[in-house]
Amino acid sequence: MPNCTDQVVREGPEVTEDPKVTAGRVLAAVADHLTTVNPTFRMERCTRLVCIGAEAYQLADRSLFGDAPAMSRAALAESPEVPEGITRGEYALLLRKAAKACGYGGSGEGSQPAADARTEPGAVSD
C-alpha cells in the first residue's frame, strides 16, 4: 500500500519553445508583477533577480521537474540592468521592450510568442 509520503516521480515537461522566447515570456511575467505590485516604489537591483527566479518557477508549473533554473538564466541574460532611481513601473516598460526583442509579444502567463500575438484581435503593435 502506498504511503502518503511516497513521492511520485514524473518526467519534466517537454520544452519546444525557443529559449529566447521563453526568456521573453518570463520577462513579460515579471513586468506584469512589477506593474501590479507597488509600481511607484523604487526598483531595487536585487528585486530583479528575485522576480525573475520566482516568475520562472511559476511558469515551470512550480515543479522540481520544470526548467525554471534555465528559464531564469535565459531571462536574466536578456533583462536590462536596473537604472539608478527608476520605479518598478518604469522598469516594467523596459522589460516589455526586452520581451518583445526576444520575440515574445504580449504580457504574462497566458500570452503567446510575437508571431501569434499579431494575429489576435485587438493586438497592438508599435
C-alpha atoms as a PDB file:
ATOM      1  CA  MET A   1       0.000   0.000   0.000  1.00  0.00           C
ATOM      2  CA  PRO A   2       1.407   3.429  -0.925  1.00  0.00           C
ATOM      3  CA  ASN A   3       2.415   5.710   1.878  1.00  0.00           C
ATOM      4  CA  CYS A   4       1.295   9.346   1.877  1.00  0.00           C
ATOM      5  CA  THR A   5       4.953  10.376   1.948  1.00  0.00           C
ATOM      6  CA  ASP A   6       5.842   8.441  -1.205  1.00  0.00           C
ATOM      7  CA  GLN A   7       6.892  10.754  -3.968  1.00  0.00           C
ATOM      8  CA  VAL A   8       5.508  10.392  -7.441  1.00  0.00           C
ATOM      9  CA  VAL A   9       8.290  10.648  -9.980  1.00  0.00           C
ATOM     10  CA  ARG A  10       7.213  12.397 -13.160  1.00  0.00           C
ATOM     11  CA  GLU A  11       9.111  13.358 -16.230  1.00  0.00           C
ATOM     12  CA  GLY A  12       9.607  17.059 -16.780  1.00  0.00           C
ATOM     13  CA  PRO A  13       7.546  18.952 -19.320  1.00  0.00           C
ATOM     14  CA  GLU A  14       8.750  18.873 -22.888  1.00  0.00           C
ATOM     15  CA  VAL A  15      10.183  22.225 -23.839  1.00  0.00           C
ATOM     16  CA  THR A  16       9.606  23.042 -27.503  1.00  0.00           C
ATOM     17  CA  GLU A  17       9.618  26.819 -27.299  1.00  0.00           C
ATOM     18  CA  ASP A  18      12.694  28.750 -28.395  1.00  0.00           C
ATOM     19  CA  PRO A  19      14.702  29.555 -25.217  1.00  0.00           C
ATOM     20  CA  LYS A  20      14.876  33.222 -26.193  1.00  0.00           C
ATOM     21  CA  VAL A  21      11.072  33.391 -26.496  1.00  0.00           C
ATOM     22  CA  THR A  22      10.812  31.621 -23.137  1.00  0.00           C
ATOM     23  CA  ALA A  23      13.081  34.308 -21.672  1.00  0.00           C
ATOM     24  CA  GLY A  24      10.703  36.896 -23.102  1.00  0.00           C
ATOM     25  CA  ARG A  25       7.768  35.086 -21.501  1.00  0.00           C
ATOM     26  CA  VAL A  26       9.494  35.305 -18.096  1.00  0.00           C
ATOM     27  CA  LEU A  27      10.344  38.988 -18.597  1.00  0.00           C
ATOM     28  CA  ALA A  28       6.731  39.768 -19.524  1.00  0.00           C
ATOM     29  CA  ALA A  29       5.513  37.977 -16.394  1.00  0.00           C
ATOM     30  CA  VAL A  30       7.953  39.996 -14.259  1.00  0.00           C
ATOM     31  CA  ALA A  31       6.752  43.192 -15.963  1.00  0.00           C
ATOM     32  CA  ASP A  32       3.146  42.265 -15.119  1.00  0.00           C
ATOM     33  CA  HIS A  33       4.118  41.702 -11.484  1.00  0.00           C
ATOM     34  CA  LEU A  34       6.026  44.981 -11.192  1.00  0.00           C
ATOM     35  CA  THR A  35       3.128  46.868 -12.785  1.00  0.00           C
ATOM     36  CA  THR A  36       0.624  45.303 -10.389  1.00  0.00           C
ATOM     37  CA  VAL A  37       2.570  45.324  -7.111  1.00  0.00           C
ATOM     38  CA  ASN A  38       3.827  48.724  -5.914  1.00  0.00           C
ATOM     39  CA  PRO A  39       4.606  50.211  -9.357  1.00  0.00           C
ATOM     40  CA  THR A  40       5.557  53.605  -7.876  1.00  0.00           C
ATOM     41  CA  PHE A  41       8.152  52.152  -5.484  1.00  0.00           C
ATOM     42  CA  ARG A  42      11.835  52.367  -6.330  1.00  0.00           C
ATOM     43  CA  MET A  43      13.145  49.350  -8.234  1.00  0.00           C
ATOM     44  CA  GLU A  44      15.989  47.599  -6.448  1.00  0.00           C
ATOM     45  CA  ARG A  45      18.645  45.536  -8.224  1.00  0.00           C
ATOM     46  CA  CYS A  46      18.005  42.503  -6.025  1.00  0.00           C
ATOM     47  CA  THR A  47      14.285  42.673  -6.884  1.00  0.00           C
ATOM     48  CA  ARG A  48      15.199  41.941 -10.499  1.00  0.00           C
ATOM     49  CA  LEU A  49      16.888  38.692  -9.518  1.00  0.00           C
ATOM     50  CA  VAL A  50      14.169  37.588  -7.122  1.00  0.00           C
ATOM     51  CA  CYS A  51      11.303  38.358  -9.504  1.00  0.00           C
ATOM     52  CA  ILE A  52      12.936  36.610 -12.458  1.00  0.00           C
ATOM     53  CA  GLY A  53      13.547  33.479 -10.389  1.00  0.00           C
ATOM     54  CA  ALA A  54      10.037  33.499  -8.933  1.00  0.00           C
ATOM     55  CA  GLU A  55       8.281  34.031 -12.263  1.00  0.00           C
ATOM     56  CA  ALA A  56      10.387  31.332 -13.959  1.00  0.00           C
ATOM     57  CA  TYR A  57       9.451  28.902 -11.177  1.00  0.00           C
ATOM     58  CA  GLN A  58       5.792  29.873 -11.574  1.00  0.00           C
ATOM     59  CA  LEU A  59       5.911  29.386 -15.366  1.00  0.00           C
ATOM     60  CA  ALA A  60       7.599  25.993 -14.866  1.00  0.00           C
ATOM     61  CA  ASP A  61       4.422  24.847 -13.084  1.00  0.00           C
ATOM     62  CA  ARG A  62       6.037  25.183  -9.652  1.00  0.00           C
ATOM     63  CA  SER A  63       7.701  21.848 -10.164  1.00  0.00           C
ATOM     64  CA  LEU A  64      11.113  20.443  -9.369  1.00  0.00           C
ATOM     65  CA  PHE A  65      10.855  18.776 -12.750  1.00  0.00           C
ATOM     66  CA  GLY A  66      10.382  22.076 -14.595  1.00  0.00           C
ATOM     67  CA  ASP A  67      13.128  24.039 -16.256  1.00  0.00           C
ATOM     68  CA  ALA A  68      12.985  27.104 -14.001  1.00  0.00           C
ATOM     69  CA  PRO A  69      16.763  27.437 -13.497  1.00  0.00           C
ATOM     70  CA  ALA A  70      17.440  27.507 -17.255  1.00  0.00           C
ATOM     71  CA  MET A  71      14.494  29.856 -17.796  1.00  0.00           C
ATOM     72  CA  SER A  72      15.841  32.176 -15.081  1.00  0.00           C
ATOM     73  CA  ARG A  73      19.334  32.242 -16.565  1.00  0.00           C
ATOM     74  CA  ALA A  74      17.979  32.977 -20.052  1.00  0.00           C
ATOM     75  CA  ALA A  75      15.681  35.745 -18.774  1.00  0.00           C
ATOM     76  CA  LEU A  76      18.437  37.295 -16.684  1.00  0.00           C
ATOM     77  CA  ALA A  77      20.742  37.364 -19.704  1.00  0.00           C
ATOM     78  CA  GLU A  78      18.077  39.214 -21.726  1.00  0.00           C
ATOM     79  CA  SER A  79      16.949  41.596 -18.984  1.00  0.00           C
ATOM     80  CA  PRO A  80      18.229  45.175 -18.857  1.00  0.00           C
ATOM     81  CA  GLU A  81      20.232  46.413 -15.889  1.00  0.00           C
ATOM     82  CA  VAL A  82      18.286  48.429 -13.334  1.00  0.00           C
ATOM     83  CA  PRO A  83      18.974  52.152 -13.834  1.00  0.00           C
ATOM     84  CA  GLU A  84      19.520  54.134 -10.633  1.00  0.00           C
ATOM     85  CA  GLY A  85      16.341  55.718  -9.248  1.00  0.00           C
ATOM     86  CA  ILE A  86      13.877  54.023 -11.626  1.00  0.00           C
ATOM     87  CA  THR A  87      10.459  52.911 -10.365  1.00  0.00           C
ATOM     88  CA  ARG A  88       9.125  49.375 -10.642  1.00  0.00           C
ATOM     89  CA  GLY A  89       6.545  50.536 -13.194  1.00  0.00           C
ATOM     90  CA  GLU A  90       9.161  52.277 -15.335  1.00  0.00           C
ATOM     91  CA  TYR A  91      11.385  49.204 -15.222  1.00  0.00           C
ATOM     92  CA  ALA A  92       8.408  47.094 -16.301  1.00  0.00           C
ATOM     93  CA  LEU A  93       8.335  49.116 -19.538  1.00  0.00           C
ATOM     94  CA  LEU A  94      11.991  48.247 -20.162  1.00  0.00           C
ATOM     95  CA  LEU A  95      11.206  44.568 -19.516  1.00  0.00           C
ATOM     96  CA  ARG A  96       8.322  44.615 -22.007  1.00  0.00           C
ATOM     97  CA  LYS A  97      10.664  46.031 -24.672  1.00  0.00           C
ATOM     98  CA  ALA A  98      13.213  43.309 -23.853  1.00  0.00           C
ATOM     99  CA  ALA A  99      10.494  40.630 -24.042  1.00  0.00           C
ATOM    100  CA  LYS A 100       9.448  41.920 -27.455  1.00  0.00           C
ATOM    101  CA  ALA A 101      13.085  41.911 -28.603  1.00  0.00           C
ATOM    102  CA  CYS A 102      13.191  38.238 -27.598  1.00  0.00           C
ATOM    103  CA  GLY A 103      10.327  37.532 -29.975  1.00  0.00           C
ATOM    104  CA  TYR A 104       7.666  37.437 -27.305  1.00  0.00           C
ATOM    105  CA  GLY A 105       4.635  39.637 -27.859  1.00  0.00           C
ATOM    106  CA  GLY A 106       2.169  40.099 -25.060  1.00  0.00           C
ATOM    107  CA  SER A 107       2.350  40.069 -21.344  1.00  0.00           C
ATOM    108  CA  GLY A 108       2.015  37.491 -18.652  1.00  0.00           C
ATOM    109  CA  GLU A 109       1.483  33.776 -18.460  1.00  0.00           C
ATOM    110  CA  GLY A 110      -1.360  33.451 -20.971  1.00  0.00           C
ATOM    111  CA  SER A 111       0.302  35.326 -23.818  1.00  0.00           C
ATOM    112  CA  GLN A 112       1.807  33.895 -26.968  1.00  0.00           C
ATOM    113  CA  PRO A 113       5.024  34.404 -28.927  1.00  0.00           C
ATOM    114  CA  ALA A 114       5.040  37.562 -31.041  1.00  0.00           C
ATOM    115  CA  ALA A 115       4.139  35.776 -34.285  1.00  0.00           C
ATOM    116  CA  ASP A 116       0.881  34.549 -32.704  1.00  0.00           C
ATOM    117  CA  ALA A 117       0.115  37.831 -30.936  1.00  0.00           C
ATOM    118  CA  ARG A 118      -0.015  39.723 -34.237  1.00  0.00           C
ATOM    119  CA  THR A 119      -2.941  37.594 -35.395  1.00  0.00           C
ATOM    120  CA  GLU A 120      -5.016  38.071 -32.246  1.00  0.00           C
ATOM    121  CA  PRO A 121      -7.893  40.534 -32.442  1.00  0.00           C
ATOM    122  CA  GLY A 122      -7.086  43.763 -30.654  1.00  0.00           C
ATOM    123  CA  ALA A 123      -3.327  43.186 -30.684  1.00  0.00           C
ATOM    124  CA  VAL A 124      -1.393  46.438 -30.508  1.00  0.00           C
ATOM    125  CA  SER A 125       1.777  46.919 -32.487  1.00  0.00           C
ATOM    126  CA  ASP A 126       4.492  49.551 -32.056  1.00  0.00           C
END
